[in-house]
C-alpha atoms as a PDB file:
ATOM      1  CA  MET A   1      -0.019   2.512  33.115  1.00  0.00           C
ATOM      2  CA  SER A   2      -1.740   5.880  32.722  1.00  0.00           C
ATOM      3  CA  ALA A   3      -4.418   7.179  34.928  1.00  0.00           C
ATOM      4  CA  THR A   4      -7.838   7.754  33.419  1.00  0.00           C
ATOM      5  CA  VAL A   5      -8.791  11.389  33.608  1.00  0.00           C
ATOM      6  CA  SER A   6     -12.395  12.123  33.989  1.00  0.00           C
ATOM      7  CA  ARG A   7     -14.093  15.444  33.574  1.00  0.00           C
ATOM      8  CA  GLN A   8     -17.493  16.773  34.485  1.00  0.00           C
ATOM      9  CA  LEU A   9     -19.985  16.487  31.561  1.00  0.00           C
ATOM     10  CA  PRO A  10     -22.230  19.444  30.969  1.00  0.00           C
ATOM     11  CA  ALA A  11     -25.721  19.294  32.047  1.00  0.00           C
ATOM     12  CA  MET A  12     -28.198  18.192  29.332  1.00  0.00           C
ATOM     13  CA  MET A  13     -30.097  21.385  29.896  1.00  0.00           C
ATOM     14  CA  SER A  14     -30.754  23.953  32.597  1.00  0.00           C
ATOM     15  CA  LEU A  15     -33.529  26.377  33.329  1.00  0.00           C
ATOM     16  CA  THR A  16     -33.430  29.990  34.325  1.00  0.00           C
ATOM     17  CA  GLU A  17     -35.480  30.987  37.297  1.00  0.00           C
ATOM     18  CA  ARG A  18     -38.071  32.682  34.970  1.00  0.00           C
ATOM     19  CA  ALA A  19     -38.388  29.435  32.908  1.00  0.00           C
ATOM     20  CA  ALA A  20     -38.812  27.347  35.977  1.00  0.00           C
ATOM     21  CA  THR A  21     -41.356  29.636  37.456  1.00  0.00           C
ATOM     22  CA  ARG A  22     -43.436  29.698  34.187  1.00  0.00           C
ATOM     23  CA  LEU A  23     -43.185  25.926  33.737  1.00  0.00           C
ATOM     24  CA  GLN A  24     -44.278  25.322  37.355  1.00  0.00           C
ATOM     25  CA  ALA A  25     -47.324  27.730  36.725  1.00  0.00           C
ATOM     26  CA  LEU A  26     -48.205  25.651  33.583  1.00  0.00           C
ATOM     27  CA  TYR A  27     -47.865  22.427  35.451  1.00  0.00           C
ATOM     28  CA  GLN A  28     -50.233  23.613  38.162  1.00  0.00           C
ATOM     29  CA  GLY A  29     -52.755  25.060  35.788  1.00  0.00           C
ATOM     30  CA  ALA A  30     -53.753  24.117  32.209  1.00  0.00           C
ATOM     31  CA  HIS A  31     -51.091  21.357  31.975  1.00  0.00           C
ATOM     32  CA  LYS A  32     -51.631  19.631  35.376  1.00  0.00           C
ATOM     33  CA  GLY A  33     -50.396  16.032  35.315  1.00  0.00           C
ATOM     34  CA  GLU A  34     -48.362  16.633  32.078  1.00  0.00           C
ATOM     35  CA  LEU A  35     -44.717  17.230  31.357  1.00  0.00           C
ATOM     36  CA  LEU A  36     -43.052  19.420  28.698  1.00  0.00           C
ATOM     37  CA  ARG A  37     -41.029  17.507  26.046  1.00  0.00           C
ATOM     38  CA  VAL A  38     -38.369  19.406  24.155  1.00  0.00           C
ATOM     39  CA  ARG A  39     -37.384  18.205  20.709  1.00  0.00           C
ATOM     40  CA  VAL A  40     -35.324  19.347  17.798  1.00  0.00           C
ATOM     41  CA  GLY A  41     -37.111  19.080  14.466  1.00  0.00           C
ATOM     42  CA  THR A  42     -36.362  20.108  10.927  1.00  0.00           C
ATOM     43  CA  ARG A  43     -37.786  23.377   9.723  1.00  0.00           C
ATOM     44  CA  GLY A  44     -36.999  26.842   8.469  1.00  0.00           C
ATOM     45  CA  CYS A  45     -34.057  28.089   6.355  1.00  0.00           C
ATOM     46  CA  SER A  46     -31.291  26.931   8.751  1.00  0.00           C
ATOM     47  CA  GLY A  47     -32.575  23.389   9.119  1.00  0.00           C
ATOM     48  CA  LEU A  48     -33.340  22.841  12.798  1.00  0.00           C
ATOM     49  CA  SER A  49     -35.996  24.191  15.135  1.00  0.00           C
ATOM     50  CA  TYR A  50     -36.883  23.804  18.829  1.00  0.00           C
ATOM     51  CA  GLU A  51     -40.211  22.035  19.286  1.00  0.00           C
ATOM     52  CA  MET A  52     -42.103  21.684  22.529  1.00  0.00           C
ATOM     53  CA  GLU A  53     -45.214  19.685  23.463  1.00  0.00           C
ATOM     54  CA  PHE A  54     -47.008  18.708  26.660  1.00  0.00           C
ATOM     55  CA  VAL A  55     -47.328  14.900  27.175  1.00  0.00           C
ATOM     56  CA  ALA A  56     -49.092  12.828  29.776  1.00  0.00           C
ATOM     57  CA  GLU A  57     -46.066  10.614  30.387  1.00  0.00           C
ATOM     58  CA  ALA A  58     -42.439  10.152  29.426  1.00  0.00           C
ATOM     59  CA  ALA A  59     -41.551   7.937  26.448  1.00  0.00           C
ATOM     60  CA  PRO A  60     -38.869   5.231  26.891  1.00  0.00           C
ATOM     61  CA  THR A  61     -36.707   7.467  24.677  1.00  0.00           C
ATOM     62  CA  ASP A  62     -36.989  10.678  26.736  1.00  0.00           C
ATOM     63  CA  GLU A  63     -34.189  11.928  28.968  1.00  0.00           C
ATOM     64  CA  ARG A  64     -35.365  13.633  32.189  1.00  0.00           C
ATOM     65  CA  VAL A  65     -34.068  17.035  33.189  1.00  0.00           C
ATOM     66  CA  ASP A  66     -34.591  18.052  36.723  1.00  0.00           C
ATOM     67  CA  ASP A  67     -33.604  21.602  37.455  1.00  0.00           C
ATOM     68  CA  GLN A  68     -34.821  24.280  40.013  1.00  0.00           C
ATOM     69  CA  GLY A  69     -37.633  21.941  41.213  1.00  0.00           C
ATOM     70  CA  VAL A  70     -39.107  21.369  37.771  1.00  0.00           C
ATOM     71  CA  THR A  71     -38.929  18.316  35.449  1.00  0.00           C
ATOM     72  CA  LEU A  72     -38.969  18.409  31.771  1.00  0.00           C
ATOM     73  CA  LEU A  73     -38.273  15.839  29.061  1.00  0.00           C
ATOM     74  CA  VAL A  74     -35.785  15.971  26.276  1.00  0.00           C
ATOM     75  CA  ASP A  75     -36.340  13.635  23.262  1.00  0.00           C
ATOM     76  CA  ARG A  76     -33.177  11.385  23.009  1.00  0.00           C
ATOM     77  CA  LYS A  77     -32.686  12.327  19.348  1.00  0.00           C
ATOM     78  CA  ALA A  78     -32.255  15.900  20.382  1.00  0.00           C
ATOM     79  CA  THR A  79     -29.750  15.300  23.175  1.00  0.00           C
ATOM     80  CA  LEU A  80     -26.598  15.996  21.065  1.00  0.00           C
ATOM     81  CA  PHE A  81     -28.107  19.335  19.769  1.00  0.00           C
ATOM     82  CA  LEU A  82     -29.097  20.488  23.274  1.00  0.00           C
ATOM     83  CA  ILE A  83     -26.241  19.587  25.650  1.00  0.00           C
ATOM     84  CA  GLY A  84     -25.406  22.636  27.710  1.00  0.00           C
ATOM     85  CA  SER A  85     -28.475  24.656  26.662  1.00  0.00           C
ATOM     86  CA  VAL A  86     -30.275  27.074  28.863  1.00  0.00           C
ATOM     87  CA  MET A  87     -34.033  27.454  28.554  1.00  0.00           C
ATOM     88  CA  ASP A  88     -35.392  30.920  29.494  1.00  0.00           C
ATOM     89  CA  TYR A  89     -38.802  32.452  29.529  1.00  0.00           C
ATOM     90  CA  GLU A  90     -38.963  35.951  28.039  1.00  0.00           C
ATOM     91  CA  VAL A  91     -41.717  38.493  28.114  1.00  0.00           C
ATOM     92  CA  LYS A  92     -41.701  41.305  25.588  1.00  0.00           C
ATOM     93  CA  ASP A  93     -44.137  43.940  24.622  1.00  0.00           C
ATOM     94  CA  LEU A  94     -46.054  41.921  22.051  1.00  0.00           C
ATOM     95  CA  GLU A  95     -44.950  38.401  22.807  1.00  0.00           C
ATOM     96  CA  SER A  96     -43.784  35.974  25.397  1.00  0.00           C
ATOM     97  CA  GLY A  97     -42.397  32.483  25.320  1.00  0.00           C
ATOM     98  CA  PHE A  98     -39.610  30.006  26.027  1.00  0.00           C
ATOM     99  CA  THR A  99     -36.246  30.757  24.344  1.00  0.00           C
ATOM    100  CA  PHE A 100     -33.029  28.778  24.280  1.00  0.00           C
ATOM    101  CA  LYS A 101     -29.365  29.777  24.642  1.00  0.00           C
ATOM    102  CA  ASN A 102     -27.566  26.971  23.014  1.00  0.00           C
ATOM    103  CA  PRO A 103     -23.712  26.784  22.925  1.00  0.00           C
ATOM    104  CA  ASN A 104     -23.948  24.259  20.039  1.00  0.00           C
ATOM    105  CA  GLU A 105     -25.655  26.654  17.606  1.00  0.00           C
ATOM    106  CA  LYS A 106     -23.343  27.882  14.879  1.00  0.00           C
ATOM    107  CA  GLY A 107     -25.954  30.281  13.475  1.00  0.00           C
ATOM    108  CA  ARG A 108     -29.644  31.197  13.108  1.00  0.00           C
ATOM    109  CA  CYS A 109     -31.719  32.209  10.186  1.00  0.00           C
ATOM    110  CA  GLY A 110     -32.719  35.818   9.739  1.00  0.00           C
ATOM    111  CA  CYS A 111     -36.276  35.420  11.115  1.00  0.00           C
ATOM    112  CA  GLY A 112     -35.000  33.482  14.099  1.00  0.00           C
ATOM    113  CA  GLU A 113     -37.165  30.450  13.390  1.00  0.00           C
ATOM    114  CA  SER A 114     -34.450  27.922  12.922  1.00  0.00           C
ATOM    115  CA  PHE A 115     -30.764  27.237  13.641  1.00  0.00           C
ATOM    116  CA  HIS A 116     -27.834  25.079  12.600  1.00  0.00           C
ATOM    117  CA  VAL A 117     -25.065  23.316  14.391  1.00  0.00           C
END
């Protein structure tokens, strides 16, 4: 009889401190009482894109991610694409927004709008 070996599964997603701080500010301001839902949709030349929306409540198909004192939702259909991803918040000279570092990505299109796995 062989022993079953278990291993730690990677987190669904994690947040950088910058992303958690920005999300907390949004939750306390314009999106008070809402949660951010992350999805993966089809768009762009590579086929998949990150989509985000604020919702009043979780859907039965949402997975909850609690990290750094902040909660966000992940659409269950997106979980296989997002396992192990890190959500960040970047501020550049002319733009700012949430970005994703996703170990499942195999490539991105030239404009950076979409990715494939």
